[in-house]
N, C-alpha and C. Protein backbone atom coordinates (compact mmCIF):
# COMPACT_ATOMS: atom_id res chain seq x y z
N MET A 1 33.32 121.04 43.39
CA MET A 1 33.64 119.62 43.56
C MET A 1 34.73 119.25 42.55
N THR A 2 35.89 118.86 43.05
CA THR A 2 37.02 118.52 42.18
C THR A 2 37.03 117.01 41.89
N ILE A 3 37.82 116.63 40.88
CA ILE A 3 37.93 115.21 40.53
C ILE A 3 38.49 114.40 41.70
N PRO A 4 39.56 114.87 42.40
CA PRO A 4 40.03 114.10 43.56
C PRO A 4 38.94 113.90 44.62
N ASN A 5 38.10 114.92 44.84
CA ASN A 5 37.03 114.78 45.82
C ASN A 5 36.01 113.73 45.38
N LEU A 6 35.71 113.70 44.08
CA LEU A 6 34.77 112.69 43.56
C LEU A 6 35.34 111.28 43.72
N ILE A 7 36.66 111.15 43.49
CA ILE A 7 37.31 109.85 43.67
C ILE A 7 37.25 109.44 45.15
N THR A 8 37.48 110.40 46.04
CA THR A 8 37.42 110.11 47.48
C THR A 8 36.02 109.68 47.89
N ILE A 9 35.00 110.35 47.35
CA ILE A 9 33.61 109.96 47.65
C ILE A 9 33.35 108.54 47.13
N GLY A 10 33.91 108.23 45.97
CA GLY A 10 33.80 106.86 45.45
C GLY A 10 34.43 105.85 46.39
N ARG A 11 35.55 106.23 47.01
CA ARG A 11 36.21 105.34 47.98
C ARG A 11 35.32 105.13 49.21
N LEU A 12 34.64 106.19 49.63
CA LEU A 12 33.70 106.06 50.75
C LEU A 12 32.57 105.09 50.40
N VAL A 13 32.11 105.14 49.17
CA VAL A 13 31.03 104.27 48.72
C VAL A 13 31.48 102.80 48.72
N LEU A 14 32.79 102.57 48.54
CA LEU A 14 33.30 101.20 48.53
C LEU A 14 33.31 100.56 49.92
N VAL A 15 33.25 101.38 50.97
CA VAL A 15 33.36 100.85 52.34
C VAL A 15 32.26 99.83 52.64
N PRO A 16 30.96 100.17 52.47
CA PRO A 16 29.95 99.15 52.77
C PRO A 16 30.03 97.93 51.85
N LEU A 17 30.51 98.14 50.63
CA LEU A 17 30.66 97.01 49.70
C LEU A 17 31.70 96.03 50.24
N ILE A 18 32.83 96.54 50.70
CA ILE A 18 33.88 95.66 51.24
C ILE A 18 33.37 94.92 52.47
N VAL A 19 32.68 95.64 53.35
CA VAL A 19 32.14 95.00 54.56
C VAL A 19 31.18 93.87 54.16
N TRP A 20 30.28 94.15 53.23
CA TRP A 20 29.32 93.14 52.79
C TRP A 20 30.03 91.93 52.17
N LEU A 21 31.04 92.20 51.34
CA LEU A 21 31.79 91.10 50.71
C LEU A 21 32.49 90.24 51.76
N LEU A 22 33.08 90.89 52.76
CA LEU A 22 33.76 90.13 53.82
C LEU A 22 32.78 89.28 54.62
N ILE A 23 31.71 89.92 55.07
CA ILE A 23 30.74 89.22 55.92
C ILE A 23 30.04 88.09 55.16
N SER A 24 29.88 88.26 53.86
CA SER A 24 29.21 87.21 53.07
C SER A 24 30.18 86.15 52.56
N GLY A 25 31.45 86.23 53.00
CA GLY A 25 32.41 85.18 52.67
C GLY A 25 33.07 85.30 51.31
N GLN A 26 32.94 86.44 50.66
CA GLN A 26 33.56 86.65 49.35
C GLN A 26 34.91 87.35 49.52
N SER A 27 35.84 86.61 50.11
CA SER A 27 37.15 87.18 50.50
C SER A 27 37.95 87.70 49.32
N ALA A 28 37.96 86.97 48.22
CA ALA A 28 38.75 87.39 47.07
C ALA A 28 38.23 88.72 46.52
N ALA A 29 36.91 88.84 46.41
CA ALA A 29 36.33 90.08 45.91
C ALA A 29 36.61 91.23 46.87
N ALA A 30 36.52 90.96 48.18
CA ALA A 30 36.81 91.99 49.18
C ALA A 30 38.25 92.47 49.07
N PHE A 31 39.17 91.54 48.85
CA PHE A 31 40.59 91.87 48.71
C PHE A 31 40.80 92.77 47.50
N PHE A 32 40.19 92.45 46.38
CA PHE A 32 40.40 93.24 45.16
C PHE A 32 39.73 94.61 45.25
N VAL A 33 38.60 94.69 45.93
CA VAL A 33 37.96 96.01 46.13
C VAL A 33 38.83 96.86 47.06
N PHE A 34 39.45 96.22 48.07
CA PHE A 34 40.37 96.92 48.96
C PHE A 34 41.56 97.48 48.16
N ILE A 35 42.10 96.68 47.26
CA ILE A 35 43.20 97.14 46.39
C ILE A 35 42.72 98.32 45.54
N LEU A 36 41.52 98.22 45.00
CA LEU A 36 40.94 99.31 44.20
C LEU A 36 40.85 100.59 45.04
N ALA A 37 40.40 100.46 46.29
CA ALA A 37 40.31 101.62 47.18
C ALA A 37 41.69 102.23 47.42
N GLY A 38 42.70 101.38 47.60
CA GLY A 38 44.07 101.88 47.80
C GLY A 38 44.59 102.60 46.57
N VAL A 39 44.32 102.05 45.41
CA VAL A 39 44.74 102.71 44.15
C VAL A 39 44.03 104.05 43.99
N SER A 40 42.74 104.09 44.33
CA SER A 40 42.00 105.35 44.20
C SER A 40 42.56 106.42 45.15
N ASP A 41 43.01 105.99 46.33
CA ASP A 41 43.62 106.92 47.29
C ASP A 41 44.90 107.52 46.69
N ALA A 42 45.71 106.67 46.08
CA ALA A 42 46.95 107.16 45.46
C ALA A 42 46.64 108.10 44.29
N ILE A 43 45.63 107.77 43.50
CA ILE A 43 45.29 108.59 42.33
C ILE A 43 44.76 109.96 42.76
N ASP A 44 43.84 109.98 43.75
CA ASP A 44 43.30 111.30 44.12
C ASP A 44 44.38 112.18 44.76
N GLY A 45 45.29 111.57 45.51
CA GLY A 45 46.40 112.35 46.07
C GLY A 45 47.32 112.89 44.99
N PHE A 46 47.61 112.05 44.00
CA PHE A 46 48.47 112.47 42.89
C PHE A 46 47.83 113.62 42.11
N LEU A 47 46.54 113.49 41.80
CA LEU A 47 45.85 114.53 41.04
C LEU A 47 45.79 115.85 41.82
N ALA A 48 45.51 115.74 43.12
CA ALA A 48 45.40 116.95 43.95
C ALA A 48 46.73 117.69 44.00
N ARG A 49 47.83 116.94 44.15
CA ARG A 49 49.15 117.59 44.23
C ARG A 49 49.63 118.07 42.86
N SER A 50 49.50 117.24 41.85
CA SER A 50 50.08 117.55 40.54
C SER A 50 49.35 118.67 39.80
N PHE A 51 48.04 118.75 40.00
CA PHE A 51 47.27 119.73 39.25
C PHE A 51 46.67 120.81 40.16
N ASN A 52 47.23 120.92 41.34
CA ASN A 52 46.79 121.94 42.31
C ASN A 52 45.27 121.90 42.50
N LEU A 53 44.77 120.70 42.75
CA LEU A 53 43.33 120.51 42.95
C LEU A 53 42.99 120.28 44.41
N ARG A 54 43.85 120.74 45.29
CA ARG A 54 43.59 120.60 46.72
C ARG A 54 42.42 121.49 47.11
N SER A 55 41.65 121.02 48.09
CA SER A 55 40.52 121.80 48.56
C SER A 55 40.32 121.56 50.05
N THR A 56 39.61 122.47 50.68
CA THR A 56 39.29 122.30 52.10
C THR A 56 38.44 121.05 52.29
N LEU A 57 37.46 120.86 51.41
CA LEU A 57 36.61 119.68 51.49
C LEU A 57 37.45 118.41 51.39
N GLY A 58 38.39 118.40 50.46
CA GLY A 58 39.26 117.24 50.29
C GLY A 58 40.13 116.95 51.50
N SER A 59 40.55 118.01 52.19
CA SER A 59 41.41 117.82 53.37
C SER A 59 40.64 117.14 54.50
N TYR A 60 39.31 117.22 54.47
CA TYR A 60 38.48 116.51 55.46
C TYR A 60 38.02 115.16 54.92
N LEU A 61 37.63 115.13 53.64
CA LEU A 61 37.10 113.91 53.05
C LEU A 61 38.12 112.78 52.99
N ASP A 62 39.36 113.10 52.59
CA ASP A 62 40.37 112.07 52.38
C ASP A 62 40.67 111.27 53.65
N PRO A 63 41.01 111.93 54.77
CA PRO A 63 41.25 111.14 55.98
C PRO A 63 39.99 110.44 56.49
N LEU A 64 38.82 111.07 56.26
CA LEU A 64 37.56 110.43 56.66
C LEU A 64 37.37 109.12 55.91
N ALA A 65 37.61 109.15 54.59
CA ALA A 65 37.47 107.94 53.77
C ALA A 65 38.47 106.87 54.21
N ASP A 66 39.71 107.27 54.48
CA ASP A 66 40.73 106.32 54.92
C ASP A 66 40.33 105.66 56.24
N LYS A 67 39.89 106.48 57.21
CA LYS A 67 39.52 105.96 58.52
C LYS A 67 38.28 105.08 58.42
N ALA A 68 37.30 105.51 57.65
CA ALA A 68 36.07 104.71 57.49
C ALA A 68 36.41 103.34 56.92
N LEU A 69 37.30 103.32 55.93
CA LEU A 69 37.69 102.06 55.30
C LEU A 69 38.41 101.16 56.30
N LEU A 70 39.43 101.70 56.97
CA LEU A 70 40.21 100.88 57.89
C LEU A 70 39.39 100.39 59.08
N VAL A 71 38.65 101.29 59.71
CA VAL A 71 37.86 100.90 60.88
C VAL A 71 36.82 99.85 60.49
N SER A 72 36.16 100.03 59.36
CA SER A 72 35.15 99.06 58.91
C SER A 72 35.77 97.70 58.64
N ILE A 73 36.93 97.69 58.01
CA ILE A 73 37.60 96.42 57.72
C ILE A 73 38.04 95.74 59.02
N TYR A 74 38.62 96.52 59.93
CA TYR A 74 39.07 95.94 61.19
C TYR A 74 37.91 95.34 61.99
N ILE A 75 36.81 96.06 62.05
CA ILE A 75 35.64 95.54 62.79
C ILE A 75 35.12 94.27 62.10
N SER A 76 35.06 94.29 60.79
CA SER A 76 34.59 93.11 60.05
C SER A 76 35.52 91.92 60.28
N LEU A 77 36.82 92.15 60.26
CA LEU A 77 37.78 91.07 60.48
C LEU A 77 37.71 90.55 61.91
N ALA A 78 37.41 91.42 62.87
CA ALA A 78 37.24 90.97 64.26
C ALA A 78 35.99 90.11 64.38
N VAL A 79 34.90 90.52 63.71
CA VAL A 79 33.67 89.72 63.73
C VAL A 79 33.93 88.32 63.16
N LEU A 80 34.80 88.25 62.16
CA LEU A 80 35.14 86.96 61.54
C LEU A 80 36.26 86.23 62.29
N SER A 81 36.72 86.83 63.41
CA SER A 81 37.81 86.26 64.22
C SER A 81 39.11 86.12 63.43
N GLU A 82 39.36 87.05 62.51
CA GLU A 82 40.60 87.04 61.72
C GLU A 82 41.67 87.96 62.30
N VAL A 83 41.26 88.90 63.14
CA VAL A 83 42.21 89.71 63.93
C VAL A 83 41.68 89.74 65.37
N PRO A 84 42.60 89.85 66.34
CA PRO A 84 42.15 89.86 67.74
C PRO A 84 41.29 91.09 68.04
N LEU A 85 40.29 90.89 68.88
CA LEU A 85 39.39 91.97 69.25
C LEU A 85 40.12 93.13 69.93
N TRP A 86 41.17 92.81 70.72
CA TRP A 86 41.87 93.87 71.46
C TRP A 86 42.51 94.88 70.53
N VAL A 87 43.03 94.42 69.39
CA VAL A 87 43.69 95.37 68.47
C VAL A 87 42.65 96.28 67.81
N VAL A 88 41.48 95.74 67.54
CA VAL A 88 40.40 96.54 66.96
C VAL A 88 39.93 97.59 67.97
N ILE A 89 39.81 97.18 69.23
CA ILE A 89 39.41 98.14 70.28
C ILE A 89 40.44 99.26 70.38
N LEU A 90 41.73 98.92 70.31
CA LEU A 90 42.78 99.96 70.36
C LEU A 90 42.67 100.93 69.18
N VAL A 91 42.53 100.38 67.98
CA VAL A 91 42.48 101.21 66.77
C VAL A 91 41.27 102.15 66.80
N VAL A 92 40.11 101.61 67.13
CA VAL A 92 38.89 102.42 67.14
C VAL A 92 38.94 103.44 68.28
N SER A 93 39.41 103.02 69.46
CA SER A 93 39.48 103.93 70.61
C SER A 93 40.42 105.10 70.35
N ARG A 94 41.54 104.83 69.70
CA ARG A 94 42.49 105.91 69.38
C ARG A 94 41.83 106.94 68.47
N ASP A 95 41.14 106.47 67.45
CA ASP A 95 40.49 107.40 66.52
C ASP A 95 39.40 108.21 67.21
N LEU A 96 38.62 107.54 68.07
CA LEU A 96 37.58 108.26 68.82
C LEU A 96 38.18 109.27 69.78
N PHE A 97 39.31 108.91 70.40
CA PHE A 97 40.00 109.83 71.30
C PHE A 97 40.43 111.09 70.56
N ILE A 98 41.03 110.92 69.39
CA ILE A 98 41.53 112.07 68.62
C ILE A 98 40.36 112.95 68.18
N ILE A 99 39.29 112.32 67.67
CA ILE A 99 38.11 113.10 67.26
C ILE A 99 37.53 113.84 68.46
N GLY A 100 37.41 113.15 69.58
CA GLY A 100 36.87 113.78 70.79
C GLY A 100 37.72 114.95 71.26
N ALA A 101 39.04 114.79 71.21
CA ALA A 101 39.95 115.87 71.63
C ALA A 101 39.80 117.10 70.74
N VAL A 102 39.70 116.87 69.44
CA VAL A 102 39.54 117.98 68.50
C VAL A 102 38.21 118.69 68.73
N VAL A 103 37.13 117.91 68.87
CA VAL A 103 35.82 118.51 69.10
C VAL A 103 35.81 119.30 70.41
N LEU A 104 36.38 118.73 71.46
CA LEU A 104 36.42 119.41 72.75
C LEU A 104 37.21 120.71 72.68
N SER A 105 38.33 120.68 71.96
CA SER A 105 39.13 121.91 71.84
C SER A 105 38.34 123.00 71.11
N TRP A 106 37.55 122.62 70.10
CA TRP A 106 36.71 123.59 69.39
C TRP A 106 35.61 124.13 70.30
N MET A 107 35.01 123.22 71.09
CA MET A 107 33.94 123.63 71.98
C MET A 107 34.44 124.60 73.06
N LEU A 108 35.70 124.42 73.45
CA LEU A 108 36.31 125.30 74.45
C LEU A 108 36.98 126.52 73.82
N ASP A 109 36.70 126.74 72.54
CA ASP A 109 37.22 127.89 71.80
C ASP A 109 38.75 127.91 71.76
N GLN A 110 39.33 126.71 71.65
CA GLN A 110 40.78 126.57 71.49
C GLN A 110 41.05 125.61 70.32
N PRO A 111 40.59 125.97 69.11
CA PRO A 111 40.69 125.04 67.98
C PRO A 111 42.13 124.65 67.68
N MET A 112 42.27 123.41 67.21
CA MET A 112 43.59 122.86 66.90
C MET A 112 43.69 122.55 65.42
N GLU A 113 44.84 122.83 64.87
CA GLU A 113 45.13 122.44 63.49
C GLU A 113 45.64 121.01 63.52
N MET A 114 44.98 120.12 62.79
CA MET A 114 45.39 118.71 62.77
C MET A 114 46.49 118.51 61.75
N ARG A 115 47.68 118.19 62.26
CA ARG A 115 48.80 117.86 61.39
C ARG A 115 49.25 116.45 61.74
N PRO A 116 49.24 115.53 60.78
CA PRO A 116 49.65 114.16 61.09
C PRO A 116 51.11 114.12 61.54
N LEU A 117 51.36 113.39 62.60
CA LEU A 117 52.71 113.21 63.11
C LEU A 117 53.35 112.01 62.42
N ILE A 118 54.68 111.94 62.47
CA ILE A 118 55.39 110.82 61.83
C ILE A 118 54.90 109.48 62.37
N ILE A 119 54.76 109.38 63.69
CA ILE A 119 54.33 108.10 64.28
C ILE A 119 52.90 107.76 63.85
N SER A 120 52.08 108.77 63.64
CA SER A 120 50.72 108.54 63.18
C SER A 120 50.72 108.02 61.75
N LYS A 121 51.56 108.61 60.90
CA LYS A 121 51.67 108.14 59.52
C LYS A 121 52.16 106.70 59.47
N LEU A 122 53.18 106.39 60.29
CA LEU A 122 53.71 105.03 60.35
C LEU A 122 52.64 104.06 60.83
N ASN A 123 51.89 104.47 61.84
CA ASN A 123 50.80 103.66 62.37
C ASN A 123 49.77 103.35 61.28
N THR A 124 49.39 104.36 60.52
CA THR A 124 48.41 104.17 59.44
C THR A 124 48.94 103.20 58.39
N VAL A 125 50.22 103.36 58.02
CA VAL A 125 50.81 102.47 57.02
C VAL A 125 50.77 101.02 57.50
N VAL A 126 51.16 100.79 58.76
CA VAL A 126 51.17 99.42 59.29
C VAL A 126 49.75 98.87 59.41
N GLN A 127 48.78 99.72 59.76
CA GLN A 127 47.39 99.28 59.80
C GLN A 127 46.92 98.84 58.41
N ILE A 128 47.29 99.61 57.39
CA ILE A 128 46.91 99.26 56.01
C ILE A 128 47.58 97.95 55.59
N VAL A 129 48.86 97.81 55.94
CA VAL A 129 49.59 96.58 55.58
C VAL A 129 48.94 95.37 56.25
N LEU A 130 48.59 95.50 57.54
CA LEU A 130 47.93 94.39 58.24
C LEU A 130 46.61 94.04 57.55
N ALA A 131 45.80 95.04 57.24
CA ALA A 131 44.52 94.78 56.57
C ALA A 131 44.75 94.08 55.23
N ALA A 132 45.73 94.56 54.47
CA ALA A 132 46.01 93.96 53.16
C ALA A 132 46.51 92.52 53.29
N VAL A 133 47.37 92.27 54.28
CA VAL A 133 47.90 90.92 54.48
C VAL A 133 46.79 89.95 54.89
N VAL A 134 45.93 90.38 55.83
CA VAL A 134 44.84 89.50 56.27
C VAL A 134 43.86 89.25 55.12
N LEU A 135 43.48 90.31 54.41
CA LEU A 135 42.56 90.13 53.28
C LEU A 135 43.18 89.27 52.19
N GLY A 136 44.46 89.50 51.90
CA GLY A 136 45.15 88.70 50.90
C GLY A 136 45.28 87.25 51.31
N ASP A 137 45.54 87.03 52.60
CA ASP A 137 45.65 85.67 53.12
C ASP A 137 44.31 84.94 53.01
N LEU A 138 43.22 85.66 53.35
CA LEU A 138 41.89 85.07 53.23
C LEU A 138 41.56 84.76 51.77
N ALA A 139 41.92 85.68 50.88
CA ALA A 139 41.57 85.52 49.46
C ALA A 139 42.40 84.45 48.78
N LEU A 140 43.69 84.39 49.12
CA LEU A 140 44.60 83.52 48.37
C LEU A 140 45.07 82.31 49.17
N GLY A 141 44.73 82.25 50.46
CA GLY A 141 45.16 81.13 51.29
C GLY A 141 46.66 80.96 51.33
N ALA A 142 47.37 82.07 51.56
CA ALA A 142 48.83 82.07 51.48
C ALA A 142 49.52 81.57 52.75
N GLY A 143 48.78 81.33 53.82
CA GLY A 143 49.38 80.83 55.05
C GLY A 143 50.30 81.84 55.71
N LEU A 144 49.79 83.05 55.93
CA LEU A 144 50.61 84.14 56.47
C LEU A 144 50.36 84.37 57.96
N GLY A 145 50.04 83.32 58.69
CA GLY A 145 49.68 83.44 60.11
C GLY A 145 50.75 84.13 60.95
N THR A 146 52.01 83.78 60.77
CA THR A 146 53.09 84.38 61.57
C THR A 146 53.23 85.86 61.25
N LEU A 147 53.23 86.21 59.97
CA LEU A 147 53.33 87.61 59.56
C LEU A 147 52.14 88.40 60.11
N ARG A 148 50.97 87.80 60.07
CA ARG A 148 49.77 88.46 60.59
C ARG A 148 49.94 88.80 62.07
N MET A 149 50.43 87.85 62.87
CA MET A 149 50.57 88.09 64.30
C MET A 149 51.63 89.16 64.59
N VAL A 150 52.72 89.14 63.85
CA VAL A 150 53.75 90.18 64.01
C VAL A 150 53.15 91.55 63.73
N LEU A 151 52.39 91.65 62.65
CA LEU A 151 51.77 92.93 62.29
C LEU A 151 50.72 93.36 63.31
N VAL A 152 49.98 92.40 63.86
CA VAL A 152 48.97 92.73 64.89
C VAL A 152 49.65 93.41 66.08
N TYR A 153 50.75 92.81 66.56
CA TYR A 153 51.44 93.40 67.72
C TYR A 153 52.08 94.73 67.37
N LEU A 154 52.59 94.85 66.15
CA LEU A 154 53.17 96.12 65.72
C LEU A 154 52.10 97.21 65.66
N VAL A 155 50.93 96.88 65.13
CA VAL A 155 49.82 97.84 65.10
C VAL A 155 49.44 98.23 66.52
N GLY A 156 49.38 97.26 67.43
CA GLY A 156 49.04 97.57 68.82
C GLY A 156 50.02 98.53 69.45
N ILE A 157 51.31 98.28 69.27
CA ILE A 157 52.36 99.14 69.85
C ILE A 157 52.29 100.54 69.26
N LEU A 158 52.21 100.62 67.94
CA LEU A 158 52.19 101.93 67.27
C LEU A 158 50.91 102.71 67.59
N THR A 159 49.80 102.02 67.74
CA THR A 159 48.53 102.69 68.06
C THR A 159 48.61 103.32 69.45
N ILE A 160 49.14 102.57 70.41
CA ILE A 160 49.30 103.11 71.77
C ILE A 160 50.28 104.28 71.78
N ALA A 161 51.41 104.12 71.08
CA ALA A 161 52.41 105.19 71.04
C ALA A 161 51.85 106.45 70.38
N SER A 162 51.12 106.26 69.29
CA SER A 162 50.53 107.40 68.58
C SER A 162 49.50 108.11 69.44
N ALA A 163 48.66 107.35 70.13
CA ALA A 163 47.66 107.96 71.02
C ALA A 163 48.34 108.74 72.14
N ALA A 164 49.43 108.18 72.67
CA ALA A 164 50.15 108.86 73.76
C ALA A 164 50.75 110.18 73.29
N VAL A 165 51.32 110.20 72.09
CA VAL A 165 51.91 111.43 71.56
C VAL A 165 50.83 112.49 71.33
N TYR A 166 49.70 112.07 70.76
CA TYR A 166 48.60 113.01 70.55
C TYR A 166 48.06 113.55 71.88
N LEU A 167 47.99 112.68 72.89
CA LEU A 167 47.51 113.12 74.19
C LEU A 167 48.43 114.18 74.79
N VAL A 168 49.73 113.95 74.72
CA VAL A 168 50.70 114.93 75.24
C VAL A 168 50.56 116.25 74.48
N ASP A 169 50.44 116.17 73.16
CA ASP A 169 50.30 117.39 72.35
C ASP A 169 49.00 118.12 72.68
N TRP A 170 47.92 117.36 72.89
CA TRP A 170 46.64 117.98 73.20
C TRP A 170 46.69 118.69 74.55
N VAL A 171 47.29 118.03 75.54
CA VAL A 171 47.41 118.63 76.87
C VAL A 171 48.25 119.91 76.78
N ARG A 172 49.34 119.86 76.03
CA ARG A 172 50.17 121.06 75.85
C ARG A 172 49.37 122.18 75.17
N HIS A 173 48.65 121.79 74.14
CA HIS A 173 47.86 122.79 73.40
C HIS A 173 46.82 123.44 74.31
N MET A 174 46.11 122.62 75.06
CA MET A 174 45.07 123.16 75.94
C MET A 174 45.70 124.03 77.03
N GLY A 175 46.88 123.65 77.51
CA GLY A 175 47.60 124.47 78.48
C GLY A 175 48.03 125.80 77.88
N MET A 176 48.45 125.77 76.60
CA MET A 176 48.83 127.02 75.92
C MET A 176 47.62 127.92 75.79
N GLY A 177 46.46 127.34 75.55
CA GLY A 177 45.24 128.14 75.43
C GLY A 177 44.88 128.78 76.75
N GLU A 178 45.07 128.04 77.84
CA GLU A 178 44.78 128.59 79.17
C GLU A 178 45.68 129.77 79.46
N SER A 179 46.99 129.61 79.15
CA SER A 179 47.92 130.70 79.43
C SER A 179 47.68 131.87 78.48
N ALA A 180 47.23 131.56 77.24
CA ALA A 180 46.96 132.64 76.28
C ALA A 180 45.77 133.47 76.72
N ALA A 181 44.82 132.80 77.42
CA ALA A 181 43.64 133.54 77.88
C ALA A 181 44.02 134.64 78.85
N GLY A 182 45.13 134.43 79.57
CA GLY A 182 45.58 135.46 80.50
C GLY A 182 46.60 136.39 79.90
N SER A 183 46.97 136.18 78.62
CA SER A 183 47.97 137.04 77.98
C SER A 183 47.31 138.31 77.47
N PRO A 184 48.10 139.34 77.16
CA PRO A 184 47.52 140.62 76.73
C PRO A 184 46.61 140.51 75.52
N ASP A 185 46.98 139.69 74.53
CA ASP A 185 46.11 139.62 73.34
C ASP A 185 45.07 138.52 73.46
N GLY A 186 45.22 137.63 74.48
CA GLY A 186 44.22 136.57 74.71
C GLY A 186 44.11 135.57 73.60
N GLN A 187 45.17 135.40 72.79
CA GLN A 187 45.12 134.52 71.64
C GLN A 187 46.06 133.34 71.79
N SER A 188 45.60 132.19 71.33
CA SER A 188 46.44 131.00 71.21
C SER A 188 46.70 130.81 69.73
N ASP A 189 47.78 130.09 69.38
CA ASP A 189 48.07 129.92 67.95
C ASP A 189 47.20 128.87 67.30
N GLY A 190 46.44 128.06 68.09
CA GLY A 190 45.48 127.12 67.52
C GLY A 190 46.11 125.96 66.76
N ARG A 191 47.36 125.61 67.08
CA ARG A 191 48.00 124.49 66.39
C ARG A 191 48.53 123.50 67.40
N TRP A 192 48.70 122.25 66.92
CA TRP A 192 49.43 121.30 67.74
C TRP A 192 50.83 121.90 67.92
N PRO A 193 51.42 121.81 69.10
CA PRO A 193 52.72 122.45 69.33
C PRO A 193 53.89 121.66 68.80
N ARG A 194 53.82 121.18 67.57
CA ARG A 194 54.94 120.46 66.95
C ARG A 194 55.32 121.12 65.67
């Protein structure tokens, strides 16, 4: 267990705290805990890269913590009617689709290496910015309604685009596996074809 992994586990522990703070109306505290979670993400990434503390566990824990945090915040904000329900459905459905595709590929003995695509990284950044803007607006009453709506639509567009790119890659990958099954060595490279 490395220090970055312990920090990531700490970030996971913050998820129910943020949800509770939001639902109980403590917006300012929720905003600052969200900032703390973001800082911890930057710190564990820095430590892992700078001191060669990368691990297989960390490669799974870090995105899990990020997704748990974002999905929980989005669902909580939808419950509070602070973001439209449709954008939350898109965000959650995309993540479930990707998880389902990966699990299915493993079950069919065609495992895929998950490499984040540029559009996926951009999508995640905009999702984080939207969450931060909404939480900050709730905490500080900054009147950011227009910015919030622009970010909502941007998240919607990027989420759909990202899901579409992953779908195309998954279909290609599964097709490569089918053709590899008939090849002399019967092997697929097991990676997204990008």
